[in-house]
N, C-alpha and C. Protein backbone atom coordinates (compact mmCIF):
# COMPACT_ATOMS: atom_id res chain seq x y z
N MET A 1 0.80 -1.19 0.00
CA MET A 1 0.00 0.00 0.00
C MET A 1 0.85 1.26 0.00
N ASN A 2 2.12 1.16 0.35
CA ASN A 2 3.00 2.32 0.32
C ASN A 2 3.68 2.49 -1.02
N GLU A 3 3.40 1.56 -1.96
CA GLU A 3 4.02 1.65 -3.27
C GLU A 3 3.43 2.84 -4.02
N PHE A 4 4.29 3.59 -4.70
CA PHE A 4 3.81 4.69 -5.52
C PHE A 4 3.91 4.26 -6.97
N LEU A 5 2.86 4.50 -7.70
CA LEU A 5 2.82 4.15 -9.11
C LEU A 5 2.60 5.41 -9.91
N SER A 6 3.06 5.40 -11.13
CA SER A 6 2.72 6.51 -12.01
C SER A 6 2.07 5.95 -13.25
N ALA A 7 1.18 6.71 -13.78
CA ALA A 7 0.56 6.38 -15.05
C ALA A 7 0.97 7.48 -16.01
N PHE A 8 1.10 7.16 -17.27
CA PHE A 8 1.49 8.19 -18.21
C PHE A 8 0.91 7.89 -19.57
N VAL A 9 0.89 8.91 -20.41
CA VAL A 9 0.42 8.76 -21.77
C VAL A 9 1.64 8.57 -22.65
N VAL A 10 1.64 7.50 -23.42
CA VAL A 10 2.77 7.16 -24.27
C VAL A 10 2.34 7.23 -25.72
N PRO A 11 3.14 7.89 -26.57
CA PRO A 11 2.77 7.91 -27.97
C PRO A 11 2.83 6.50 -28.55
N ASP A 12 1.86 6.15 -29.33
CA ASP A 12 1.83 4.88 -30.04
C ASP A 12 2.73 5.01 -31.26
N SER A 13 2.95 3.91 -31.99
CA SER A 13 3.77 3.96 -33.19
C SER A 13 3.15 4.89 -34.22
N LYS A 14 1.85 5.10 -34.17
CA LYS A 14 1.17 6.07 -35.02
C LYS A 14 1.22 7.41 -34.29
N PRO A 15 1.71 8.47 -34.93
CA PRO A 15 1.86 9.74 -34.22
C PRO A 15 0.56 10.36 -33.74
N SER A 16 -0.59 9.90 -34.25
CA SER A 16 -1.85 10.52 -33.87
C SER A 16 -2.54 9.83 -32.70
N VAL A 17 -1.94 8.77 -32.13
CA VAL A 17 -2.59 8.00 -31.07
C VAL A 17 -1.65 7.87 -29.87
N CYS A 18 -2.21 8.08 -28.67
CA CYS A 18 -1.47 7.90 -27.42
C CYS A 18 -2.21 6.89 -26.55
N SER A 19 -1.57 6.47 -25.48
CA SER A 19 -2.25 5.61 -24.51
C SER A 19 -1.85 6.02 -23.10
N THR A 20 -2.70 5.76 -22.13
CA THR A 20 -2.37 6.04 -20.74
C THR A 20 -2.00 4.73 -20.07
N GLN A 21 -0.96 4.77 -19.26
CA GLN A 21 -0.48 3.56 -18.61
C GLN A 21 -0.10 3.84 -17.17
N ILE A 22 -0.21 2.80 -16.34
CA ILE A 22 0.27 2.85 -14.97
C ILE A 22 1.53 1.99 -14.92
N GLN A 23 2.64 2.60 -14.56
CA GLN A 23 3.89 1.85 -14.43
C GLN A 23 3.90 1.10 -13.10
N ILE A 24 4.41 -0.10 -13.11
CA ILE A 24 4.50 -0.92 -11.92
C ILE A 24 5.85 -0.63 -11.23
N PRO A 25 5.87 -0.49 -9.90
CA PRO A 25 7.14 -0.23 -9.20
C PRO A 25 8.16 -1.32 -9.51
N GLU A 26 9.41 -0.94 -9.53
CA GLU A 26 10.48 -1.85 -9.95
C GLU A 26 10.50 -3.16 -9.17
N ILE A 27 10.29 -3.12 -7.86
CA ILE A 27 10.33 -4.36 -7.08
C ILE A 27 9.23 -5.33 -7.54
N MET A 28 8.04 -4.79 -7.83
CA MET A 28 6.94 -5.62 -8.32
C MET A 28 7.21 -6.04 -9.77
N ALA A 29 7.76 -5.13 -10.57
CA ALA A 29 8.08 -5.45 -11.97
C ALA A 29 9.09 -6.61 -12.02
N GLY A 30 10.01 -6.65 -11.06
CA GLY A 30 10.97 -7.76 -10.99
C GLY A 30 10.26 -9.09 -10.77
N ASN A 31 9.25 -9.10 -9.91
CA ASN A 31 8.47 -10.33 -9.67
C ASN A 31 7.70 -10.74 -10.92
N VAL A 32 7.19 -9.75 -11.67
CA VAL A 32 6.48 -10.03 -12.92
C VAL A 32 7.46 -10.63 -13.94
N ARG A 33 8.65 -10.05 -14.05
CA ARG A 33 9.66 -10.58 -14.99
C ARG A 33 10.06 -12.00 -14.61
N LEU A 34 10.19 -12.26 -13.32
CA LEU A 34 10.54 -13.61 -12.85
C LEU A 34 9.46 -14.61 -13.25
N ALA A 35 8.19 -14.24 -13.08
CA ALA A 35 7.08 -15.12 -13.48
C ALA A 35 7.12 -15.37 -14.98
N ARG A 36 7.37 -14.33 -15.76
CA ARG A 36 7.45 -14.47 -17.21
C ARG A 36 8.61 -15.37 -17.61
N THR A 37 9.76 -15.22 -16.95
CA THR A 37 10.93 -16.05 -17.25
C THR A 37 10.64 -17.51 -16.96
N GLU A 38 10.00 -17.79 -15.83
CA GLU A 38 9.64 -19.17 -15.50
C GLU A 38 8.66 -19.74 -16.53
N LEU A 39 7.74 -18.92 -16.97
CA LEU A 39 6.79 -19.33 -18.00
C LEU A 39 7.53 -19.66 -19.30
N PHE A 40 8.52 -18.82 -19.65
CA PHE A 40 9.30 -19.06 -20.87
C PHE A 40 10.06 -20.37 -20.81
N LYS A 41 10.69 -20.64 -19.67
CA LYS A 41 11.45 -21.89 -19.51
C LYS A 41 10.54 -23.10 -19.69
N TRP A 42 9.34 -22.96 -19.18
CA TRP A 42 8.40 -24.07 -19.16
C TRP A 42 7.80 -24.35 -20.52
N ALA A 43 7.56 -23.31 -21.31
CA ALA A 43 6.87 -23.50 -22.59
C ALA A 43 7.43 -22.59 -23.68
N LYS A 44 8.74 -22.54 -23.80
CA LYS A 44 9.36 -21.59 -24.72
C LYS A 44 8.97 -21.80 -26.18
N GLU A 45 8.60 -23.01 -26.57
CA GLU A 45 8.23 -23.23 -27.97
C GLU A 45 6.91 -22.55 -28.33
N ASN A 46 6.15 -22.12 -27.34
CA ASN A 46 4.87 -21.45 -27.61
C ASN A 46 4.92 -19.93 -27.45
N MET A 47 6.04 -19.40 -27.00
CA MET A 47 6.16 -17.96 -26.78
C MET A 47 6.49 -17.25 -28.09
N LEU A 48 5.81 -16.14 -28.33
CA LEU A 48 6.10 -15.31 -29.49
C LEU A 48 6.93 -14.10 -29.10
N GLU A 49 6.54 -13.43 -28.03
CA GLU A 49 7.31 -12.28 -27.54
C GLU A 49 6.89 -11.95 -26.11
N ALA A 50 7.82 -11.32 -25.39
CA ALA A 50 7.54 -10.92 -24.01
C ALA A 50 7.19 -9.45 -23.97
N GLU A 51 6.41 -9.06 -22.99
CA GLU A 51 6.15 -7.64 -22.72
C GLU A 51 7.17 -7.23 -21.69
N ASN A 52 8.13 -6.40 -22.05
CA ASN A 52 9.22 -6.05 -21.15
C ASN A 52 8.93 -4.86 -20.25
N ASN A 53 7.94 -4.07 -20.59
CA ASN A 53 7.59 -2.89 -19.82
C ASN A 53 6.39 -3.20 -18.94
N ALA A 54 6.62 -3.49 -17.67
CA ALA A 54 5.53 -3.86 -16.76
C ALA A 54 4.62 -2.67 -16.52
N HIS A 55 3.43 -2.71 -17.12
CA HIS A 55 2.48 -1.61 -17.01
C HIS A 55 1.05 -2.11 -17.18
N ILE A 56 0.12 -1.27 -16.79
CA ILE A 56 -1.30 -1.52 -16.99
C ILE A 56 -1.82 -0.39 -17.87
N THR A 57 -2.35 -0.72 -19.02
CA THR A 57 -2.92 0.30 -19.89
C THR A 57 -4.26 0.75 -19.32
N VAL A 58 -4.40 2.05 -19.16
CA VAL A 58 -5.66 2.60 -18.65
C VAL A 58 -6.60 2.86 -19.84
N ARG A 59 -6.11 3.51 -20.87
CA ARG A 59 -6.93 3.77 -22.06
C ARG A 59 -6.00 3.89 -23.27
N TYR A 60 -6.24 3.06 -24.26
CA TYR A 60 -5.50 3.08 -25.51
C TYR A 60 -6.29 3.89 -26.53
N GLY A 61 -5.60 4.47 -27.49
CA GLY A 61 -6.26 5.12 -28.62
C GLY A 61 -6.68 6.55 -28.37
N ILE A 62 -6.05 7.23 -27.41
CA ILE A 62 -6.35 8.65 -27.19
C ILE A 62 -5.81 9.42 -28.40
N LEU A 63 -6.68 10.19 -29.03
CA LEU A 63 -6.30 10.91 -30.23
C LEU A 63 -5.40 12.09 -29.87
N ASN A 64 -4.26 12.17 -30.54
CA ASN A 64 -3.29 13.23 -30.28
C ASN A 64 -3.70 14.47 -31.08
N GLN A 65 -4.62 15.23 -30.50
CA GLN A 65 -5.14 16.43 -31.13
C GLN A 65 -4.77 17.64 -30.30
N PRO A 66 -4.85 18.84 -30.89
CA PRO A 66 -4.55 20.05 -30.10
C PRO A 66 -5.40 20.08 -28.83
N GLY A 67 -4.77 20.40 -27.73
CA GLY A 67 -5.48 20.51 -26.46
C GLY A 67 -5.67 19.20 -25.72
N VAL A 68 -5.16 18.09 -26.25
CA VAL A 68 -5.40 16.79 -25.60
C VAL A 68 -4.74 16.74 -24.21
N PHE A 69 -3.58 17.34 -24.04
CA PHE A 69 -2.93 17.33 -22.73
C PHE A 69 -3.83 17.96 -21.67
N GLY A 70 -4.39 19.12 -21.96
CA GLY A 70 -5.26 19.80 -21.00
C GLY A 70 -6.48 18.97 -20.65
N LYS A 71 -7.05 18.28 -21.65
CA LYS A 71 -8.22 17.45 -21.41
C LYS A 71 -7.88 16.24 -20.55
N VAL A 72 -6.74 15.58 -20.87
CA VAL A 72 -6.30 14.42 -20.07
C VAL A 72 -5.97 14.88 -18.65
N ALA A 73 -5.26 16.01 -18.54
CA ALA A 73 -4.88 16.52 -17.22
C ALA A 73 -6.11 16.82 -16.37
N LYS A 74 -7.13 17.43 -16.95
CA LYS A 74 -8.35 17.76 -16.21
C LYS A 74 -9.02 16.49 -15.68
N ILE A 75 -9.14 15.47 -16.52
CA ILE A 75 -9.75 14.21 -16.10
C ILE A 75 -8.96 13.58 -14.95
N ILE A 76 -7.64 13.56 -15.10
CA ILE A 76 -6.79 12.92 -14.09
C ILE A 76 -6.76 13.72 -12.79
N GLN A 77 -6.64 15.04 -12.89
CA GLN A 77 -6.60 15.88 -11.68
C GLN A 77 -7.89 15.82 -10.89
N ASP A 78 -9.00 15.56 -11.55
CA ASP A 78 -10.29 15.46 -10.87
C ASP A 78 -10.57 14.05 -10.36
N PHE A 79 -9.65 13.13 -10.61
CA PHE A 79 -9.86 11.74 -10.22
C PHE A 79 -9.06 11.46 -8.94
N PRO A 80 -9.68 10.83 -7.94
CA PRO A 80 -8.97 10.60 -6.67
C PRO A 80 -7.91 9.50 -6.76
N VAL A 81 -6.94 9.60 -5.86
CA VAL A 81 -5.95 8.53 -5.69
C VAL A 81 -6.72 7.24 -5.46
N PHE A 82 -6.24 6.14 -6.03
CA PHE A 82 -6.95 4.87 -5.89
C PHE A 82 -5.97 3.71 -5.78
N ARG A 83 -6.50 2.57 -5.45
CA ARG A 83 -5.72 1.33 -5.32
C ARG A 83 -6.25 0.29 -6.28
N PHE A 84 -5.38 -0.66 -6.56
CA PHE A 84 -5.79 -1.82 -7.34
C PHE A 84 -5.06 -3.04 -6.79
N SER A 85 -5.62 -4.23 -7.05
CA SER A 85 -4.93 -5.45 -6.63
C SER A 85 -4.62 -6.28 -7.87
N LEU A 86 -3.53 -7.02 -7.77
CA LEU A 86 -3.10 -7.89 -8.84
C LEU A 86 -3.63 -9.29 -8.58
N GLY A 87 -4.14 -9.93 -9.63
CA GLY A 87 -4.76 -11.24 -9.49
C GLY A 87 -3.91 -12.36 -10.07
N LYS A 88 -4.57 -13.27 -10.73
CA LYS A 88 -3.93 -14.48 -11.25
C LYS A 88 -3.67 -14.36 -12.75
N ILE A 89 -2.91 -15.31 -13.28
CA ILE A 89 -2.64 -15.35 -14.71
C ILE A 89 -3.90 -15.80 -15.45
N ASP A 90 -4.18 -15.12 -16.55
CA ASP A 90 -5.29 -15.47 -17.42
C ASP A 90 -4.85 -15.18 -18.85
N ARG A 91 -5.78 -15.25 -19.81
CA ARG A 91 -5.39 -14.99 -21.21
C ARG A 91 -6.53 -14.42 -22.02
N PHE A 92 -6.15 -13.67 -23.05
CA PHE A 92 -7.06 -13.24 -24.10
C PHE A 92 -6.77 -14.15 -25.28
N SER A 93 -7.78 -14.72 -25.88
CA SER A 93 -7.59 -15.62 -27.02
C SER A 93 -7.83 -14.89 -28.34
N GLY A 94 -7.03 -15.27 -29.34
CA GLY A 94 -7.26 -14.82 -30.71
C GLY A 94 -7.14 -13.34 -30.96
N VAL A 95 -6.16 -12.68 -30.38
CA VAL A 95 -5.97 -11.25 -30.63
C VAL A 95 -5.20 -11.05 -31.94
N GLU A 96 -5.19 -9.81 -32.38
CA GLU A 96 -4.52 -9.43 -33.64
C GLU A 96 -4.90 -10.37 -34.77
N GLY A 97 -6.19 -10.48 -35.00
CA GLY A 97 -6.69 -11.30 -36.10
C GLY A 97 -6.49 -12.78 -35.89
N GLY A 98 -6.42 -13.21 -34.63
CA GLY A 98 -6.26 -14.63 -34.32
C GLY A 98 -4.84 -15.14 -34.42
N THR A 99 -3.86 -14.24 -34.57
CA THR A 99 -2.47 -14.66 -34.74
C THR A 99 -1.75 -14.95 -33.43
N LYS A 100 -2.34 -14.52 -32.31
CA LYS A 100 -1.70 -14.77 -31.01
C LYS A 100 -2.71 -14.68 -29.89
N ASP A 101 -2.32 -15.23 -28.74
CA ASP A 101 -3.05 -15.07 -27.50
C ASP A 101 -2.18 -14.20 -26.59
N VAL A 102 -2.79 -13.60 -25.60
CA VAL A 102 -2.07 -12.76 -24.65
C VAL A 102 -2.20 -13.38 -23.26
N LEU A 103 -1.07 -13.67 -22.62
CA LEU A 103 -1.07 -14.10 -21.22
C LEU A 103 -0.91 -12.84 -20.36
N TYR A 104 -1.73 -12.73 -19.32
CA TYR A 104 -1.67 -11.53 -18.49
C TYR A 104 -1.99 -11.85 -17.04
N ILE A 105 -1.69 -10.89 -16.18
CA ILE A 105 -2.08 -10.95 -14.77
C ILE A 105 -3.30 -10.05 -14.64
N SER A 106 -4.37 -10.58 -14.08
CA SER A 106 -5.60 -9.79 -13.93
C SER A 106 -5.39 -8.67 -12.91
N VAL A 107 -6.10 -7.58 -13.11
CA VAL A 107 -6.03 -6.41 -12.24
C VAL A 107 -7.46 -6.09 -11.79
N HIS A 108 -7.63 -5.84 -10.50
CA HIS A 108 -8.96 -5.59 -9.94
C HIS A 108 -9.02 -4.20 -9.34
N SER A 109 -9.91 -3.35 -9.91
CA SER A 109 -10.10 -2.02 -9.36
C SER A 109 -11.28 -1.34 -10.06
N PRO A 110 -12.38 -1.14 -9.35
CA PRO A 110 -13.49 -0.40 -9.96
C PRO A 110 -13.07 1.02 -10.36
N GLU A 111 -12.17 1.62 -9.59
CA GLU A 111 -11.70 2.97 -9.89
C GLU A 111 -10.92 3.02 -11.20
N LEU A 112 -10.12 2.01 -11.46
CA LEU A 112 -9.36 1.94 -12.71
C LEU A 112 -10.30 1.85 -13.90
N VAL A 113 -11.36 1.06 -13.77
CA VAL A 113 -12.37 0.95 -14.83
C VAL A 113 -13.05 2.30 -15.04
N SER A 114 -13.34 2.99 -13.95
CA SER A 114 -13.99 4.30 -14.03
C SER A 114 -13.07 5.33 -14.71
N LEU A 115 -11.79 5.35 -14.35
CA LEU A 115 -10.85 6.28 -14.97
C LEU A 115 -10.74 6.00 -16.48
N SER A 116 -10.66 4.74 -16.84
CA SER A 116 -10.61 4.37 -18.26
C SER A 116 -11.85 4.87 -19.00
N ALA A 117 -13.01 4.72 -18.39
CA ALA A 117 -14.26 5.16 -19.01
C ALA A 117 -14.26 6.69 -19.21
N ARG A 118 -13.72 7.42 -18.24
CA ARG A 118 -13.67 8.88 -18.37
C ARG A 118 -12.73 9.30 -19.50
N LEU A 119 -11.62 8.59 -19.64
CA LEU A 119 -10.66 8.91 -20.71
C LEU A 119 -11.16 8.46 -22.09
N ALA A 120 -12.14 7.58 -22.12
CA ALA A 120 -12.66 7.05 -23.39
C ALA A 120 -13.22 8.16 -24.28
N SER A 121 -13.68 9.24 -23.68
CA SER A 121 -14.22 10.34 -24.50
C SER A 121 -13.16 10.94 -25.42
N LEU A 122 -11.88 10.71 -25.11
CA LEU A 122 -10.79 11.26 -25.91
C LEU A 122 -10.22 10.25 -26.90
N ALA A 123 -10.77 9.04 -26.90
CA ALA A 123 -10.24 7.96 -27.75
C ALA A 123 -10.96 7.89 -29.09
N SER A 124 -10.35 7.17 -30.01
CA SER A 124 -10.97 6.95 -31.31
C SER A 124 -12.25 6.14 -31.12
N ASN A 125 -13.15 6.19 -32.08
CA ASN A 125 -14.42 5.47 -31.98
C ASN A 125 -14.22 3.99 -31.76
N ALA A 126 -13.26 3.39 -32.45
CA ALA A 126 -13.01 1.95 -32.31
C ALA A 126 -12.62 1.60 -30.88
N GLU A 127 -11.84 2.44 -30.24
CA GLU A 127 -11.39 2.17 -28.88
C GLU A 127 -12.48 2.45 -27.86
N LYS A 128 -13.44 3.28 -28.18
CA LYS A 128 -14.52 3.60 -27.25
C LYS A 128 -15.44 2.40 -27.03
N ILE A 129 -15.58 1.55 -28.05
CA ILE A 129 -16.55 0.45 -27.94
C ILE A 129 -15.94 -0.85 -27.43
N ARG A 130 -14.61 -0.94 -27.40
CA ARG A 130 -13.98 -2.16 -26.87
C ARG A 130 -14.16 -2.23 -25.37
N PRO A 131 -14.54 -3.38 -24.85
CA PRO A 131 -14.67 -3.48 -23.38
C PRO A 131 -13.29 -3.36 -22.73
N TYR A 132 -13.25 -2.68 -21.61
CA TYR A 132 -11.99 -2.49 -20.90
C TYR A 132 -11.82 -3.59 -19.86
N ILE A 133 -10.74 -4.33 -19.96
CA ILE A 133 -10.41 -5.39 -19.01
C ILE A 133 -9.02 -5.07 -18.45
N PRO A 134 -8.95 -4.53 -17.23
CA PRO A 134 -7.65 -4.18 -16.66
C PRO A 134 -6.74 -5.41 -16.55
N HIS A 135 -5.50 -5.26 -17.02
CA HIS A 135 -4.56 -6.39 -16.99
C HIS A 135 -3.13 -5.90 -17.12
N LEU A 136 -2.21 -6.76 -16.73
CA LEU A 136 -0.78 -6.53 -16.85
C LEU A 136 -0.25 -7.62 -17.78
N THR A 137 0.11 -7.26 -19.00
CA THR A 137 0.53 -8.24 -20.01
C THR A 137 1.86 -8.88 -19.63
N LEU A 138 1.92 -10.21 -19.72
CA LEU A 138 3.16 -10.96 -19.51
C LEU A 138 3.84 -11.29 -20.83
N ALA A 139 3.07 -11.87 -21.77
CA ALA A 139 3.67 -12.34 -23.01
C ALA A 139 2.60 -12.58 -24.07
N TYR A 140 3.05 -12.62 -25.30
CA TYR A 140 2.21 -12.99 -26.44
C TYR A 140 2.62 -14.41 -26.82
N VAL A 141 1.64 -15.29 -26.99
CA VAL A 141 1.93 -16.70 -27.25
C VAL A 141 1.16 -17.19 -28.48
N LYS A 142 1.54 -18.36 -28.96
CA LYS A 142 0.85 -18.96 -30.11
C LYS A 142 -0.61 -19.20 -29.75
N PRO A 143 -1.50 -19.00 -30.73
CA PRO A 143 -2.93 -19.18 -30.45
C PRO A 143 -3.24 -20.57 -29.88
N HIS A 144 -4.04 -20.60 -28.87
CA HIS A 144 -4.56 -21.83 -28.23
C HIS A 144 -3.48 -22.68 -27.55
N SER A 145 -2.26 -22.18 -27.45
CA SER A 145 -1.19 -22.98 -26.83
C SER A 145 -1.36 -23.08 -25.32
N PHE A 146 -2.18 -22.23 -24.74
CA PHE A 146 -2.41 -22.27 -23.30
C PHE A 146 -3.89 -22.48 -22.98
N ASP A 147 -4.60 -23.16 -23.88
CA ASP A 147 -6.02 -23.44 -23.65
C ASP A 147 -6.25 -24.23 -22.36
N TRP A 148 -5.29 -25.02 -21.98
CA TRP A 148 -5.37 -25.86 -20.79
C TRP A 148 -5.22 -25.06 -19.50
N MET A 149 -4.68 -23.84 -19.63
CA MET A 149 -4.27 -23.09 -18.45
C MET A 149 -5.46 -22.68 -17.59
N ASP A 150 -5.34 -22.95 -16.32
CA ASP A 150 -6.31 -22.47 -15.34
C ASP A 150 -5.67 -21.24 -14.70
N ASN A 151 -6.46 -20.31 -14.22
CA ASN A 151 -5.88 -19.11 -13.58
C ASN A 151 -4.87 -19.53 -12.53
N GLY A 152 -3.66 -19.01 -12.66
CA GLY A 152 -2.60 -19.39 -11.75
C GLY A 152 -2.10 -18.22 -10.93
N LYS A 153 -1.76 -18.49 -9.69
CA LYS A 153 -1.20 -17.46 -8.82
C LYS A 153 0.25 -17.19 -9.21
N VAL A 154 0.67 -15.95 -9.03
CA VAL A 154 2.03 -15.53 -9.32
C VAL A 154 2.67 -15.11 -8.00
N ARG A 155 3.70 -15.86 -7.59
CA ARG A 155 4.36 -15.59 -6.32
C ARG A 155 4.90 -14.15 -6.28
N GLY A 156 4.61 -13.44 -5.21
CA GLY A 156 5.08 -12.07 -5.04
C GLY A 156 4.28 -11.04 -5.82
N VAL A 157 3.22 -11.48 -6.52
CA VAL A 157 2.41 -10.56 -7.31
C VAL A 157 0.93 -10.69 -6.96
N THR A 158 0.39 -11.91 -7.08
CA THR A 158 -1.03 -12.13 -6.84
C THR A 158 -1.41 -11.68 -5.42
N GLY A 159 -2.44 -10.87 -5.34
CA GLY A 159 -2.93 -10.39 -4.05
C GLY A 159 -2.30 -9.09 -3.58
N GLN A 160 -1.27 -8.61 -4.26
CA GLN A 160 -0.65 -7.35 -3.86
C GLN A 160 -1.60 -6.19 -4.17
N VAL A 161 -1.66 -5.22 -3.26
CA VAL A 161 -2.48 -4.03 -3.44
C VAL A 161 -1.53 -2.85 -3.60
N LEU A 162 -1.70 -2.10 -4.67
CA LEU A 162 -0.83 -0.97 -4.97
C LEU A 162 -1.67 0.30 -5.10
N GLU A 163 -1.05 1.44 -4.86
CA GLU A 163 -1.76 2.71 -4.91
C GLU A 163 -1.22 3.57 -6.05
N VAL A 164 -2.13 4.22 -6.77
CA VAL A 164 -1.77 5.12 -7.86
C VAL A 164 -1.97 6.54 -7.36
N GLU A 165 -0.93 7.39 -7.47
CA GLU A 165 -1.01 8.75 -6.96
C GLU A 165 -0.83 9.81 -8.03
N TRP A 166 -0.20 9.48 -9.13
CA TRP A 166 0.00 10.48 -10.18
C TRP A 166 0.03 9.82 -11.54
N VAL A 167 -0.08 10.69 -12.55
CA VAL A 167 -0.08 10.27 -13.94
C VAL A 167 0.93 11.13 -14.68
N ASN A 168 1.78 10.53 -15.47
CA ASN A 168 2.70 11.28 -16.32
C ASN A 168 2.14 11.28 -17.73
N PHE A 169 2.05 12.46 -18.32
CA PHE A 169 1.57 12.60 -19.69
C PHE A 169 2.78 12.78 -20.58
N CYS A 170 2.97 11.86 -21.50
CA CYS A 170 4.12 11.93 -22.42
C CYS A 170 3.59 12.26 -23.80
N GLN A 171 4.00 13.41 -24.31
CA GLN A 171 3.56 13.85 -25.63
C GLN A 171 4.40 13.15 -26.71
N PRO A 172 3.93 13.17 -27.96
CA PRO A 172 4.67 12.51 -29.04
C PRO A 172 6.12 12.97 -29.17
N ASN A 173 6.42 14.20 -28.76
CA ASN A 173 7.81 14.67 -28.82
C ASN A 173 8.61 14.23 -27.59
N ARG A 174 8.01 13.33 -26.78
CA ARG A 174 8.63 12.75 -25.58
C ARG A 174 8.69 13.70 -24.39
N THR A 175 8.03 14.85 -24.47
CA THR A 175 7.92 15.75 -23.33
C THR A 175 6.95 15.12 -22.34
N GLU A 176 7.34 15.06 -21.06
CA GLU A 176 6.48 14.46 -20.04
C GLU A 176 6.03 15.50 -19.04
N HIS A 177 4.80 15.36 -18.59
CA HIS A 177 4.22 16.24 -17.57
C HIS A 177 3.63 15.35 -16.48
N GLN A 178 4.03 15.55 -15.25
CA GLN A 178 3.47 14.77 -14.14
C GLN A 178 2.17 15.43 -13.68
N ILE A 179 1.12 14.60 -13.56
CA ILE A 179 -0.20 15.09 -13.13
C ILE A 179 -0.62 14.28 -11.91
N GLU A 180 -0.85 14.97 -10.79
CA GLU A 180 -1.28 14.27 -9.57
C GLU A 180 -2.77 14.00 -9.60
N LEU A 181 -3.13 12.84 -9.09
CA LEU A 181 -4.54 12.52 -8.87
C LEU A 181 -5.03 13.35 -7.69
N LYS A 182 -6.33 13.55 -7.61
CA LYS A 182 -6.93 14.36 -6.55
C LYS A 182 -6.75 13.68 -5.19
N ARG A 183 -6.36 14.46 -4.20
CA ARG A 183 -6.20 13.96 -2.83
C ARG A 183 -7.30 14.54 -1.95
N TYR A 184 -7.78 13.72 -1.04
CA TYR A 184 -8.79 14.19 -0.09
C TYR A 184 -8.11 14.53 1.21
N GLY A 185 -8.68 15.49 1.91
CA GLY A 185 -8.19 15.83 3.23
C GLY A 185 -7.28 16.94 3.19
């Protein structure tokens, strides 16, 4: 609960789209990398690529238009500090046109879902209609290679509760602005 997290907007490979993310503290990110490494050793023939940046995407597809920083900042500054808990390993099947599955650690937080919904007004139409499922991506794997997998606990990760206190907004030119979430009291 004393962990400080930051979320930030990162330019996508397309210059007109950004995303908001919550960075995981290094000590927790190390536990996530360890889980991913163990997964790789166990089933390396099914791995396509690892996610090396331990983060939780809050909202993808924010359109990089004039004034977007002010709009994102207003939403974030009006949103209270919140917590989330990390759950078990799960997967998304058939992503990117069915070419891969995504293994991830589930994330639980009604506040995170609410923040994502508020930021959705700034996203492209396609991103507004996709359901938001908070998660921390571990790896991309061959389709259906983990169909057998039951939700698994991750040592040092599952059950941890972390607090988000600020958001960093990173513009396409890599300029970053730290934005604090609203504090009570």
